[in-house]
C-alpha atoms as a PDB file:
ATOM      1  CA  MET A   1      12.028  81.113  24.930  1.00  0.00           C
ATOM      2  CA  THR A   2      10.979  83.394  27.802  1.00  0.00           C
ATOM      3  CA  LYS A   3       8.124  82.529  30.139  1.00  0.00           C
ATOM      4  CA  VAL A   4       6.862  85.000  32.765  1.00  0.00           C
ATOM      5  CA  HIS A   5       5.425  83.893  36.111  1.00  0.00           C
ATOM      6  CA  SER A   6       4.300  86.207  38.903  1.00  0.00           C
ATOM      7  CA  GLU A   7       7.398  85.615  41.046  1.00  0.00           C
ATOM      8  CA  HIS A   8      10.012  84.776  38.388  1.00  0.00           C
ATOM      9  CA  VAL A   9      10.842  84.727  34.689  1.00  0.00           C
ATOM     10  CA  ASP A  10      12.207  81.628  32.946  1.00  0.00           C
ATOM     11  CA  ILE A  11      14.615  81.927  30.024  1.00  0.00           C
ATOM     12  CA  THR A  12      14.832  78.469  28.461  1.00  0.00           C
ATOM     13  CA  VAL A  13      17.852  77.502  26.369  1.00  0.00           C
ATOM     14  CA  LEU A  14      17.398  74.498  24.077  1.00  0.00           C
ATOM     15  CA  GLY A  15      20.186  72.689  22.244  1.00  0.00           C
ATOM     16  CA  THR A  16      23.927  72.897  22.762  1.00  0.00           C
ATOM     17  CA  ILE A  17      25.567  76.216  23.672  1.00  0.00           C
ATOM     18  CA  LYS A  18      28.656  76.272  21.465  1.00  0.00           C
ATOM     19  CA  THR A  19      28.755  79.315  19.174  1.00  0.00           C
ATOM     20  CA  ILE A  20      29.311  83.017  19.662  1.00  0.00           C
ATOM     21  CA  ALA A  21      25.767  83.555  18.356  1.00  0.00           C
ATOM     22  CA  ASN A  22      24.410  81.225  21.070  1.00  0.00           C
ATOM     23  CA  ALA A  23      26.261  83.174  23.753  1.00  0.00           C
ATOM     24  CA  GLN A  24      25.117  86.536  22.361  1.00  0.00           C
ATOM     25  CA  ALA A  25      21.487  85.373  22.293  1.00  0.00           C
ATOM     26  CA  ILE A  26      21.681  84.294  25.947  1.00  0.00           C
ATOM     27  CA  LYS A  27      23.324  87.568  27.016  1.00  0.00           C
ATOM     28  CA  GLU A  28      20.683  89.565  25.147  1.00  0.00           C
ATOM     29  CA  ALA A  29      17.842  87.518  26.659  1.00  0.00           C
ATOM     30  CA  ILE A  30      19.168  88.141  30.188  1.00  0.00           C
ATOM     31  CA  ARG A  31      19.580  91.869  29.495  1.00  0.00           C
ATOM     32  CA  LYS A  32      16.118  92.321  27.960  1.00  0.00           C
ATOM     33  CA  THR A  33      14.415  90.261  30.644  1.00  0.00           C
ATOM     34  CA  HIS A  34      16.071  92.289  33.396  1.00  0.00           C
ATOM     35  CA  GLU A  35      15.065  95.555  31.701  1.00  0.00           C
ATOM     36  CA  GLN A  36      11.436  94.412  31.445  1.00  0.00           C
ATOM     37  CA  HIS A  37      11.271  92.785  34.906  1.00  0.00           C
ATOM     38  CA  PRO A  38      13.956  94.465  37.068  1.00  0.00           C
ATOM     39  CA  ASP A  39      12.662  93.215  40.436  1.00  0.00           C
ATOM     40  CA  THR A  40      11.908  89.644  39.385  1.00  0.00           C
ATOM     41  CA  ILE A  41      14.067  86.535  39.763  1.00  0.00           C
ATOM     42  CA  ILE A  42      15.394  85.276  36.424  1.00  0.00           C
ATOM     43  CA  ASN A  43      15.844  81.522  35.962  1.00  0.00           C
ATOM     44  CA  LEU A  44      18.189  80.627  33.113  1.00  0.00           C
ATOM     45  CA  VAL A  45      17.080  77.080  32.278  1.00  0.00           C
ATOM     46  CA  ILE A  46      19.711  75.226  30.249  1.00  0.00           C
ATOM     47  CA  LYS A  47      17.805  72.099  29.245  1.00  0.00           C
ATOM     48  CA  ASP A  48      20.005  70.194  26.810  1.00  0.00           C
ATOM     49  CA  SER A  49      23.526  71.571  26.679  1.00  0.00           C
ATOM     50  CA  PHE A  50      26.307  69.590  28.312  1.00  0.00           C
ATOM     51  CA  ILE A  51      28.782  72.452  27.730  1.00  0.00           C
ATOM     52  CA  ILE A  52      28.729  76.209  28.213  1.00  0.00           C
ATOM     53  CA  THR A  53      30.997  78.854  26.695  1.00  0.00           C
ATOM     54  CA  SER A  54      33.288  80.978  28.829  1.00  0.00           C
ATOM     55  CA  SER A  55      31.495  84.107  27.617  1.00  0.00           C
ATOM     56  CA  VAL A  56      28.184  82.803  29.010  1.00  0.00           C
ATOM     57  CA  ILE A  57      29.888  81.964  32.313  1.00  0.00           C
ATOM     58  CA  GLY A  58      31.343  85.472  32.415  1.00  0.00           C
ATOM     59  CA  CYS A  59      27.997  87.046  31.562  1.00  0.00           C
ATOM     60  CA  VAL A  60      26.196  85.124  34.310  1.00  0.00           C
ATOM     61  CA  ILE A  61      28.822  86.001  36.928  1.00  0.00           C
ATOM     62  CA  LYS A  62      28.806  89.683  35.884  1.00  0.00           C
ATOM     63  CA  SER A  63      25.007  89.775  35.970  1.00  0.00           C
ATOM     64  CA  ILE A  64      24.937  88.335  39.494  1.00  0.00           C
ATOM     65  CA  GLU A  65      27.978  90.000  41.067  1.00  0.00           C
ATOM     66  CA  MET A  66      28.199  93.401  39.378  1.00  0.00           C
ATOM     67  CA  ASP A  67      24.714  94.111  38.034  1.00  0.00           C
ATOM     68  CA  LYS A  68      23.054  92.566  41.135  1.00  0.00           C
ATOM     69  CA  ILE A  69      20.512  90.661  39.034  1.00  0.00           C
ATOM     70  CA  ALA A  70      18.623  87.911  40.872  1.00  0.00           C
ATOM     71  CA  LEU A  71      19.707  85.206  38.432  1.00  0.00           C
ATOM     72  CA  HIS A  72      19.658  81.435  38.925  1.00  0.00           C
ATOM     73  CA  VAL A  73      20.960  78.806  36.503  1.00  0.00           C
ATOM     74  CA  ASN A  74      19.048  75.523  36.238  1.00  0.00           C
ATOM     75  CA  VAL A  75      20.918  72.829  34.311  1.00  0.00           C
ATOM     76  CA  GLY A  76      19.324  69.759  32.767  1.00  0.00           C
ATOM     77  CA  SER A  77      22.593  67.952  32.075  1.00  0.00           C
ATOM     78  CA  GLU A  78      24.438  66.108  34.799  1.00  0.00           C
ATOM     79  CA  GLU A  79      27.646  66.576  32.767  1.00  0.00           C
ATOM     80  CA  LEU A  80      27.253  70.354  32.741  1.00  0.00           C
ATOM     81  CA  TYR A  81      26.465  70.431  36.456  1.00  0.00           C
ATOM     82  CA  GLU A  82      29.570  68.357  37.226  1.00  0.00           C
ATOM     83  CA  MET A  83      31.726  70.580  35.011  1.00  0.00           C
ATOM     84  CA  LEU A  84      30.504  73.723  36.801  1.00  0.00           C
ATOM     85  CA  GLU A  85      31.033  71.973  40.138  1.00  0.00           C
ATOM     86  CA  ASP A  86      34.618  71.050  39.156  1.00  0.00           C
ATOM     87  CA  MET A  87      35.193  74.732  38.341  1.00  0.00           C
ATOM     88  CA  ASN A  88      33.772  75.767  41.757  1.00  0.00           C
ATOM     89  CA  LEU A  89      31.001  77.788  40.075  1.00  0.00           C
ATOM     90  CA  ILE A  90      27.898  76.233  41.672  1.00  0.00           C
ATOM     91  CA  ASP A  91      27.548  78.880  44.388  1.00  0.00           C
ATOM     92  CA  VAL A  92      28.953  81.766  42.340  1.00  0.00           C
ATOM     93  CA  MET A  93      26.466  81.185  39.491  1.00  0.00           C
ATOM     94  CA  ASN A  94      23.515  80.057  41.664  1.00  0.00           C
ATOM     95  CA  VAL A  95      23.406  76.703  39.836  1.00  0.00           C
ATOM     96  CA  ARG A  96      20.709  74.140  40.534  1.00  0.00           C
ATOM     97  CA  LYS A  97      20.017  70.716  39.084  1.00  0.00           C
ATOM     98  CA  ALA A  98      16.953  70.454  36.875  1.00  0.00           C
ATOM     99  CA  TYR A  99      17.376  66.925  35.546  1.00  0.00           C
ATOM    100  CA  ARG A 100      14.641  65.415  33.447  1.00  0.00           C
ATOM    101  CA  CYS A 101      13.241  62.014  34.282  1.00  0.00           C
ATOM    102  CA  ALA A 102      14.488  59.347  31.905  1.00  0.00           C
ATOM    103  CA  LYS A 103      11.812  57.792  29.711  1.00  0.00           C
ATOM    104  CA  ALA A 104      11.256  54.101  30.267  1.00  0.00           C
END
């Protein structure tokens, strides 16, 4: 799901990222969003997944470092955030916590 705001565009990823098709869909969403909004910040919001494939990591790093896309990754899973932190990717991938409040 893609949501456009005046200052940024959100690409929301629901469910677990585990297949090649999942990774391809994310790559394509980033590419299309950048083509349509080249000067706008893109927020990749990973709501549910506690894992991420190496191809998505590579795509995000390439988009930021080589393609110079203003891309931020917001993760909803503490496990995923900790995994990316253990891999020293927080700064490289512009990762931020976006934890949901637990329901009482």
